[in-house]
Amino acid sequence: MSTEEKTEDANSQQLICEIYRCSKKEGMYIYIDKRDGLEKLPDTLKQKTGRMELAMTLMITPDKKLARAKAEDILLAIDSQGFYLQMPPSAAAEAQAASRAISEANDFLER
């Protein structure tokens, strides 16, 4: 299947995902197809994530707004490899986001 075909599939797709919090690293999450469960995850990935705790179950569509990931990327990753791994943001990225938020708030207050 070509990348273009996968993109078309993802654009018309909706998927019930289970999102698991990983114990080895704060802010690391695994998204999987609810129908597949954790059994299909590679053993090497399971070792790197540690114990996984169900954080939530969520219907994901390509246009779904998520905090730290694009829904379309999640759908494509689950379709191609069976999971999506969300890594925690870096300290620099968090600092930039905080700085942007402060600047936007200051701009708003100055008006």
C-alpha atoms as a PDB file:
ATOM      1  CA  MET A   1       0.000   0.000   0.000  1.00  0.00           C
ATOM      2  CA  SER A   2       1.451   3.398  -0.975  1.00  0.00           C
ATOM      3  CA  THR A   3       1.783   6.349   1.392  1.00  0.00           C
ATOM      4  CA  GLU A   4      -0.971   8.111  -0.562  1.00  0.00           C
ATOM      5  CA  GLU A   5      -3.342   5.158  -0.087  1.00  0.00           C
ATOM      6  CA  LYS A   6      -2.525   4.996   3.634  1.00  0.00           C
ATOM      7  CA  THR A   7      -3.218   8.730   3.943  1.00  0.00           C
ATOM      8  CA  GLU A   8      -6.590   8.251   2.216  1.00  0.00           C
ATOM      9  CA  ASP A   9      -7.397   5.345   4.574  1.00  0.00           C
ATOM     10  CA  ALA A  10      -6.396   7.405   7.606  1.00  0.00           C
ATOM     11  CA  ASN A  11      -8.522  10.341   6.434  1.00  0.00           C
ATOM     12  CA  SER A  12     -11.664   8.189   6.408  1.00  0.00           C
ATOM     13  CA  GLN A  13     -10.713   6.189   9.487  1.00  0.00           C
ATOM     14  CA  GLN A  14     -11.959   6.308  13.004  1.00  0.00           C
ATOM     15  CA  LEU A  15     -10.431   4.114  15.627  1.00  0.00           C
ATOM     16  CA  ILE A  16     -11.118   3.350  19.255  1.00  0.00           C
ATOM     17  CA  CYS A  17      -7.701   3.676  20.900  1.00  0.00           C
ATOM     18  CA  GLU A  18      -6.514   2.676  24.295  1.00  0.00           C
ATOM     19  CA  ILE A  19      -3.871   5.018  25.634  1.00  0.00           C
ATOM     20  CA  TYR A  20      -1.442   3.611  28.185  1.00  0.00           C
ATOM     21  CA  ARG A  21       0.837   5.567  30.536  1.00  0.00           C
ATOM     22  CA  CYS A  22       4.335   4.036  30.661  1.00  0.00           C
ATOM     23  CA  SER A  23       6.037   3.685  34.047  1.00  0.00           C
ATOM     24  CA  LYS A  24       9.651   4.016  32.821  1.00  0.00           C
ATOM     25  CA  LYS A  25       9.395   7.643  31.670  1.00  0.00           C
ATOM     26  CA  GLU A  26       7.086  10.444  32.777  1.00  0.00           C
ATOM     27  CA  GLY A  27       5.034  11.680  29.825  1.00  0.00           C
ATOM     28  CA  MET A  28       5.535   8.561  27.660  1.00  0.00           C
ATOM     29  CA  TYR A  29       2.314   7.055  26.282  1.00  0.00           C
ATOM     30  CA  ILE A  30       1.443   4.179  23.947  1.00  0.00           C
ATOM     31  CA  TYR A  31      -1.633   4.394  21.705  1.00  0.00           C
ATOM     32  CA  ILE A  32      -3.018   1.090  20.424  1.00  0.00           C
ATOM     33  CA  ASP A  33      -6.111  -0.228  18.662  1.00  0.00           C
ATOM     34  CA  LYS A  34      -8.497  -1.310  21.415  1.00  0.00           C
ATOM     35  CA  ARG A  35      -9.285  -4.498  19.464  1.00  0.00           C
ATOM     36  CA  ASP A  36      -5.625  -5.590  19.491  1.00  0.00           C
ATOM     37  CA  GLY A  37      -4.716  -4.892  23.099  1.00  0.00           C
ATOM     38  CA  LEU A  38      -1.147  -4.958  24.363  1.00  0.00           C
ATOM     39  CA  GLU A  39      -0.393  -8.485  23.146  1.00  0.00           C
ATOM     40  CA  LYS A  40       0.747  -7.312  19.699  1.00  0.00           C
ATOM     41  CA  LEU A  41       3.357  -4.887  21.027  1.00  0.00           C
ATOM     42  CA  PRO A  42       6.964  -5.942  20.357  1.00  0.00           C
ATOM     43  CA  ASP A  43       8.730  -7.383  23.422  1.00  0.00           C
ATOM     44  CA  THR A  44      11.585  -4.873  23.082  1.00  0.00           C
ATOM     45  CA  LEU A  45       9.091  -2.014  23.303  1.00  0.00           C
ATOM     46  CA  LYS A  46       7.407  -3.556  26.341  1.00  0.00           C
ATOM     47  CA  GLN A  47      10.788  -3.725  28.088  1.00  0.00           C
ATOM     48  CA  LYS A  48      11.531  -0.047  27.376  1.00  0.00           C
ATOM     49  CA  THR A  49       8.128   1.193  28.547  1.00  0.00           C
ATOM     50  CA  GLY A  50       7.918  -0.742  31.795  1.00  0.00           C
ATOM     51  CA  ARG A  51       4.561  -1.338  33.412  1.00  0.00           C
ATOM     52  CA  MET A  52       1.690   0.180  31.427  1.00  0.00           C
ATOM     53  CA  GLU A  53      -1.395   1.621  33.037  1.00  0.00           C
ATOM     54  CA  LEU A  54      -4.540   2.386  31.034  1.00  0.00           C
ATOM     55  CA  ALA A  55      -4.931   6.173  31.030  1.00  0.00           C
ATOM     56  CA  MET A  56      -7.981   6.464  28.765  1.00  0.00           C
ATOM     57  CA  THR A  57      -9.939   5.070  25.850  1.00  0.00           C
ATOM     58  CA  LEU A  58     -10.616   7.515  23.048  1.00  0.00           C
ATOM     59  CA  MET A  59     -12.247   7.569  19.603  1.00  0.00           C
ATOM     60  CA  ILE A  60      -9.667   9.057  17.234  1.00  0.00           C
ATOM     61  CA  THR A  61     -10.520  10.470  13.826  1.00  0.00           C
ATOM     62  CA  PRO A  62      -8.065  12.318  11.543  1.00  0.00           C
ATOM     63  CA  ASP A  63      -9.529  15.700  12.482  1.00  0.00           C
ATOM     64  CA  LYS A  64      -9.493  15.053  16.254  1.00  0.00           C
ATOM     65  CA  LYS A  65      -7.615  17.755  18.174  1.00  0.00           C
ATOM     66  CA  LEU A  66      -5.054  16.307  20.580  1.00  0.00           C
ATOM     67  CA  ALA A  67      -2.610  18.071  22.888  1.00  0.00           C
ATOM     68  CA  ARG A  68       0.735  16.636  21.770  1.00  0.00           C
ATOM     69  CA  ALA A  69       0.200  14.607  18.622  1.00  0.00           C
ATOM     70  CA  LYS A  70      -1.547  14.805  15.276  1.00  0.00           C
ATOM     71  CA  ALA A  71      -4.446  12.365  15.106  1.00  0.00           C
ATOM     72  CA  GLU A  72      -3.571  11.486  11.514  1.00  0.00           C
ATOM     73  CA  ASP A  73      -0.014  10.512  12.570  1.00  0.00           C
ATOM     74  CA  ILE A  74      -1.427   8.282  15.319  1.00  0.00           C
ATOM     75  CA  LEU A  75      -3.808   6.544  12.911  1.00  0.00           C
ATOM     76  CA  LEU A  76      -1.059   5.968  10.332  1.00  0.00           C
ATOM     77  CA  ALA A  77       1.365   4.590  12.941  1.00  0.00           C
ATOM     78  CA  ILE A  78      -1.215   2.206  14.399  1.00  0.00           C
ATOM     79  CA  ASP A  79      -2.149   1.064  10.898  1.00  0.00           C
ATOM     80  CA  SER A  80       1.458   0.457   9.838  1.00  0.00           C
ATOM     81  CA  GLN A  81       3.170  -0.768  13.020  1.00  0.00           C
ATOM     82  CA  GLY A  82       0.364  -1.533  15.467  1.00  0.00           C
ATOM     83  CA  PHE A  83       1.070   1.282  17.940  1.00  0.00           C
ATOM     84  CA  TYR A  84       1.961   4.952  18.315  1.00  0.00           C
ATOM     85  CA  LEU A  85       4.591   5.929  20.885  1.00  0.00           C
ATOM     86  CA  GLN A  86       4.259   9.440  22.303  1.00  0.00           C
ATOM     87  CA  MET A  87       7.459  10.615  23.927  1.00  0.00           C
ATOM     88  CA  PRO A  88       7.514  13.300  26.610  1.00  0.00           C
ATOM     89  CA  PRO A  89       8.258  16.828  25.468  1.00  0.00           C
ATOM     90  CA  SER A  90      11.774  18.088  25.988  1.00  0.00           C
ATOM     91  CA  ALA A  91      12.476  20.712  28.635  1.00  0.00           C
ATOM     92  CA  ALA A  92      13.383  23.178  25.861  1.00  0.00           C
ATOM     93  CA  ALA A  93      10.069  22.613  24.071  1.00  0.00           C
ATOM     94  CA  GLU A  94       8.170  23.110  27.326  1.00  0.00           C
ATOM     95  CA  ALA A  95      10.078  26.343  28.012  1.00  0.00           C
ATOM     96  CA  GLN A  96       9.319  27.641  24.496  1.00  0.00           C
ATOM     97  CA  ALA A  97       5.627  26.818  24.897  1.00  0.00           C
ATOM     98  CA  ALA A  98       5.513  28.592  28.265  1.00  0.00           C
ATOM     99  CA  SER A  99       7.295  31.611  26.809  1.00  0.00           C
ATOM    100  CA  ARG A 100       4.832  31.760  23.884  1.00  0.00           C
ATOM    101  CA  ALA A 101       1.885  31.530  26.273  1.00  0.00           C
ATOM    102  CA  ILE A 102       3.257  34.385  28.398  1.00  0.00           C
ATOM    103  CA  SER A 103       3.884  36.530  25.305  1.00  0.00           C
ATOM    104  CA  GLU A 104       0.365  35.880  24.016  1.00  0.00           C
ATOM    105  CA  ALA A 105      -1.115  36.740  27.417  1.00  0.00           C
ATOM    106  CA  ASN A 106       0.932  39.964  27.564  1.00  0.00           C
ATOM    107  CA  ASP A 107      -0.145  40.921  24.032  1.00  0.00           C
ATOM    108  CA  PHE A 108      -3.774  40.319  24.986  1.00  0.00           C
ATOM    109  CA  LEU A 109      -3.465  42.372  28.187  1.00  0.00           C
ATOM    110  CA  GLU A 110      -1.817  45.290  26.347  1.00  0.00           C
ATOM    111  CA  ARG A 111      -4.791  45.659  24.006  1.00  0.00           C
END
